Amino acid sequence: MDNELLDDKFDDIGEKVDFLIELCQTLQMENTELIAKVERLESELEKKNETEERHTEQQAVIKSKIDGLLSKLNTFTETP
């Protein structure tokens, strides 16, 4: 009887260890996927920020050119 009880305990422990090993493997895979996703999102964010910066610079250039043209028009219309 004692051997059967001992065997049952070892079987229970073995099942729990197997479950924990599977859980750890699943969590490691999920972690790897999440790390890859974070890296991809960081890369996308960096590209977005660069695009936004270029757009802001273009807007400044366009505004400067428009201001220059308006200034020329004002000078032209003010001349008698």
N, C-alpha and C. Protein backbone atom coordinates (compact mmCIF):
# COMPACT_ATOMS: atom_id res chain seq x y z
N MET A 1 0.80 -1.19 0.00
CA MET A 1 0.00 0.00 0.00
C MET A 1 0.84 1.26 0.00
N ASP A 2 1.88 1.26 0.78
CA ASP A 2 2.73 2.44 0.85
C ASP A 2 3.40 2.74 -0.49
N ASN A 3 3.77 1.67 -1.20
CA ASN A 3 4.39 1.86 -2.51
C ASN A 3 3.40 2.44 -3.51
N GLU A 4 2.13 1.99 -3.44
CA GLU A 4 1.11 2.53 -4.34
C GLU A 4 0.88 4.01 -4.05
N LEU A 5 0.79 4.37 -2.80
CA LEU A 5 0.59 5.76 -2.41
C LEU A 5 1.77 6.62 -2.85
N LEU A 6 2.97 6.09 -2.68
CA LEU A 6 4.18 6.79 -3.10
C LEU A 6 4.21 6.95 -4.62
N ASP A 7 3.84 5.88 -5.34
CA ASP A 7 3.79 5.95 -6.80
C ASP A 7 2.76 6.98 -7.27
N ASP A 8 1.61 7.00 -6.60
CA ASP A 8 0.57 7.99 -6.95
C ASP A 8 1.07 9.42 -6.73
N LYS A 9 1.77 9.63 -5.64
CA LYS A 9 2.31 10.97 -5.36
C LYS A 9 3.32 11.38 -6.44
N PHE A 10 4.21 10.44 -6.81
CA PHE A 10 5.19 10.74 -7.85
C PHE A 10 4.50 11.00 -9.19
N ASP A 11 3.45 10.25 -9.49
CA ASP A 11 2.70 10.48 -10.72
C ASP A 11 2.07 11.87 -10.71
N ASP A 12 1.48 12.26 -9.56
CA ASP A 12 0.89 13.59 -9.44
C ASP A 12 1.94 14.67 -9.64
N ILE A 13 3.08 14.48 -8.99
CA ILE A 13 4.17 15.45 -9.13
C ILE A 13 4.65 15.50 -10.57
N GLY A 14 4.78 14.34 -11.21
CA GLY A 14 5.22 14.28 -12.61
C GLY A 14 4.25 15.01 -13.53
N GLU A 15 2.95 14.85 -13.31
CA GLU A 15 1.95 15.55 -14.12
C GLU A 15 2.06 17.06 -13.92
N LYS A 16 2.24 17.46 -12.69
CA LYS A 16 2.35 18.89 -12.41
C LYS A 16 3.62 19.47 -13.03
N VAL A 17 4.72 18.73 -12.99
CA VAL A 17 5.96 19.19 -13.61
C VAL A 17 5.78 19.29 -15.12
N ASP A 18 5.13 18.29 -15.73
CA ASP A 18 4.86 18.33 -17.18
C ASP A 18 4.01 19.55 -17.53
N PHE A 19 2.98 19.80 -16.71
CA PHE A 19 2.13 20.97 -16.95
C PHE A 19 2.94 22.26 -16.87
N LEU A 20 3.78 22.37 -15.86
CA LEU A 20 4.59 23.58 -15.69
C LEU A 20 5.59 23.76 -16.83
N ILE A 21 6.15 22.65 -17.32
CA ILE A 21 7.07 22.73 -18.45
C ILE A 21 6.33 23.24 -19.68
N GLU A 22 5.14 22.70 -19.94
CA GLU A 22 4.34 23.16 -21.08
C GLU A 22 3.99 24.64 -20.93
N LEU A 23 3.60 25.02 -19.73
CA LEU A 23 3.24 26.41 -19.48
C LEU A 23 4.44 27.34 -19.72
N CYS A 24 5.60 26.92 -19.24
CA CYS A 24 6.81 27.73 -19.46
C CYS A 24 7.14 27.86 -20.94
N GLN A 25 7.00 26.78 -21.68
CA GLN A 25 7.28 26.82 -23.12
C GLN A 25 6.30 27.74 -23.83
N THR A 26 5.02 27.65 -23.43
CA THR A 26 4.02 28.53 -24.03
C THR A 26 4.33 29.99 -23.72
N LEU A 27 4.68 30.26 -22.48
CA LEU A 27 4.99 31.64 -22.09
C LEU A 27 6.25 32.15 -22.79
N GLN A 28 7.23 31.28 -22.98
CA GLN A 28 8.43 31.69 -23.70
C GLN A 28 8.11 32.04 -25.15
N MET A 29 7.24 31.23 -25.78
CA MET A 29 6.85 31.53 -27.17
C MET A 29 6.09 32.85 -27.23
N GLU A 30 5.16 33.06 -26.29
CA GLU A 30 4.40 34.31 -26.26
C GLU A 30 5.34 35.50 -26.04
N ASN A 31 6.31 35.32 -25.16
CA ASN A 31 7.27 36.39 -24.88
C ASN A 31 8.08 36.73 -26.13
N THR A 32 8.52 35.71 -26.84
CA THR A 32 9.28 35.92 -28.07
C THR A 32 8.43 36.68 -29.09
N GLU A 33 7.16 36.27 -29.22
CA GLU A 33 6.26 36.96 -30.15
C GLU A 33 6.04 38.41 -29.73
N LEU A 34 5.88 38.65 -28.44
CA LEU A 34 5.66 40.01 -27.96
C LEU A 34 6.90 40.89 -28.15
N ILE A 35 8.07 40.32 -27.95
CA ILE A 35 9.31 41.07 -28.17
C ILE A 35 9.40 41.48 -29.64
N ALA A 36 9.09 40.54 -30.54
CA ALA A 36 9.12 40.84 -31.98
C ALA A 36 8.09 41.92 -32.31
N LYS A 37 6.92 41.84 -31.70
CA LYS A 37 5.88 42.84 -31.96
C LYS A 37 6.31 44.21 -31.46
N VAL A 38 6.91 44.28 -30.29
CA VAL A 38 7.39 45.55 -29.75
C VAL A 38 8.44 46.15 -30.69
N GLU A 39 9.36 45.33 -31.16
CA GLU A 39 10.41 45.81 -32.07
C GLU A 39 9.79 46.34 -33.36
N ARG A 40 8.78 45.61 -33.89
CA ARG A 40 8.13 46.05 -35.12
C ARG A 40 7.40 47.37 -34.88
N LEU A 41 6.70 47.49 -33.77
CA LEU A 41 5.97 48.72 -33.48
C LEU A 41 6.91 49.89 -33.24
N GLU A 42 8.05 49.64 -32.58
CA GLU A 42 9.03 50.71 -32.39
C GLU A 42 9.59 51.19 -33.72
N SER A 43 9.82 50.25 -34.63
CA SER A 43 10.31 50.61 -35.96
C SER A 43 9.27 51.43 -36.72
N GLU A 44 8.01 51.00 -36.65
CA GLU A 44 6.94 51.74 -37.31
C GLU A 44 6.80 53.14 -36.72
N LEU A 45 6.92 53.24 -35.40
CA LEU A 45 6.82 54.54 -34.75
C LEU A 45 7.95 55.46 -35.18
N GLU A 46 9.15 54.91 -35.28
CA GLU A 46 10.30 55.71 -35.71
C GLU A 46 10.09 56.23 -37.14
N LYS A 47 9.59 55.36 -38.03
CA LYS A 47 9.31 55.78 -39.40
C LYS A 47 8.24 56.86 -39.43
N LYS A 48 7.21 56.69 -38.60
CA LYS A 48 6.13 57.68 -38.53
C LYS A 48 6.67 59.02 -38.05
N ASN A 49 7.51 58.99 -37.03
CA ASN A 49 8.08 60.23 -36.51
C ASN A 49 8.95 60.92 -37.55
N GLU A 50 9.73 60.13 -38.30
CA GLU A 50 10.56 60.72 -39.35
C GLU A 50 9.69 61.34 -40.43
N THR A 51 8.62 60.65 -40.82
CA THR A 51 7.71 61.17 -41.84
C THR A 51 7.04 62.45 -41.35
N GLU A 52 6.64 62.44 -40.09
CA GLU A 52 6.01 63.62 -39.51
C GLU A 52 6.98 64.81 -39.49
N GLU A 53 8.23 64.54 -39.16
CA GLU A 53 9.24 65.60 -39.13
C GLU A 53 9.47 66.17 -40.53
N ARG A 54 9.55 65.28 -41.54
CA ARG A 54 9.72 65.77 -42.92
C ARG A 54 8.52 66.61 -43.33
N HIS A 55 7.33 66.17 -42.96
CA HIS A 55 6.11 66.91 -43.30
C HIS A 55 6.13 68.29 -42.66
N THR A 56 6.54 68.36 -41.41
CA THR A 56 6.62 69.65 -40.71
C THR A 56 7.63 70.57 -41.40
N GLU A 57 8.76 70.01 -41.80
CA GLU A 57 9.77 70.81 -42.50
C GLU A 57 9.23 71.31 -43.84
N GLN A 58 8.52 70.44 -44.55
CA GLN A 58 7.92 70.85 -45.83
C GLN A 58 6.90 71.95 -45.63
N GLN A 59 6.11 71.83 -44.58
CA GLN A 59 5.12 72.88 -44.29
C GLN A 59 5.81 74.22 -44.02
N ALA A 60 6.92 74.18 -43.31
CA ALA A 60 7.65 75.41 -43.00
C ALA A 60 8.19 76.04 -44.28
N VAL A 61 8.71 75.21 -45.18
CA VAL A 61 9.24 75.73 -46.46
C VAL A 61 8.11 76.33 -47.29
N ILE A 62 6.99 75.62 -47.35
CA ILE A 62 5.85 76.13 -48.12
C ILE A 62 5.35 77.44 -47.53
N LYS A 63 5.23 77.51 -46.21
CA LYS A 63 4.78 78.75 -45.56
C LYS A 63 5.74 79.89 -45.86
N SER A 64 7.02 79.60 -45.81
CA SER A 64 8.02 80.62 -46.09
C SER A 64 7.90 81.13 -47.53
N LYS A 65 7.71 80.22 -48.48
CA LYS A 65 7.56 80.62 -49.89
C LYS A 65 6.29 81.44 -50.10
N ILE A 66 5.20 81.01 -49.45
CA ILE A 66 3.94 81.75 -49.58
C ILE A 66 4.09 83.14 -48.98
N ASP A 67 4.74 83.24 -47.82
CA ASP A 67 4.96 84.55 -47.20
C ASP A 67 5.80 85.44 -48.12
N GLY A 68 6.80 84.85 -48.76
CA GLY A 68 7.64 85.62 -49.69
C GLY A 68 6.83 86.12 -50.88
N LEU A 69 5.99 85.23 -51.43
CA LEU A 69 5.15 85.64 -52.56
C LEU A 69 4.14 86.71 -52.16
N LEU A 70 3.56 86.57 -50.98
CA LEU A 70 2.62 87.59 -50.51
C LEU A 70 3.31 88.93 -50.29
N SER A 71 4.53 88.85 -49.80
CA SER A 71 5.30 90.08 -49.61
C SER A 71 5.56 90.75 -50.96
N LYS A 72 5.92 89.96 -51.97
CA LYS A 72 6.14 90.53 -53.32
C LYS A 72 4.86 91.15 -53.85
N LEU A 73 3.73 90.44 -53.63
CA LEU A 73 2.46 90.98 -54.10
C LEU A 73 2.11 92.29 -53.39
N ASN A 74 2.36 92.34 -52.11
CA ASN A 74 2.08 93.58 -51.35
C ASN A 74 2.97 94.71 -51.86
N THR A 75 4.23 94.40 -52.12
CA THR A 75 5.14 95.42 -52.63
C THR A 75 4.67 95.89 -54.01
N PHE A 76 4.23 94.96 -54.84
CA PHE A 76 3.78 95.30 -56.18
C PHE A 76 2.51 96.16 -56.14
N THR A 77 1.57 95.81 -55.27
CA THR A 77 0.32 96.56 -55.20
C THR A 77 0.49 97.91 -54.52
N GLU A 78 1.51 98.07 -53.68
CA GLU A 78 1.74 99.33 -52.99
C GLU A 78 2.51 100.33 -53.85
N THR A 79 3.14 99.86 -54.90
CA THR A 79 3.91 100.74 -55.75
C THR A 79 2.95 101.56 -56.62
N PRO A 80 3.14 102.93 -56.62
CA PRO A 80 2.23 103.81 -57.41
C PRO A 80 2.46 103.71 -58.90
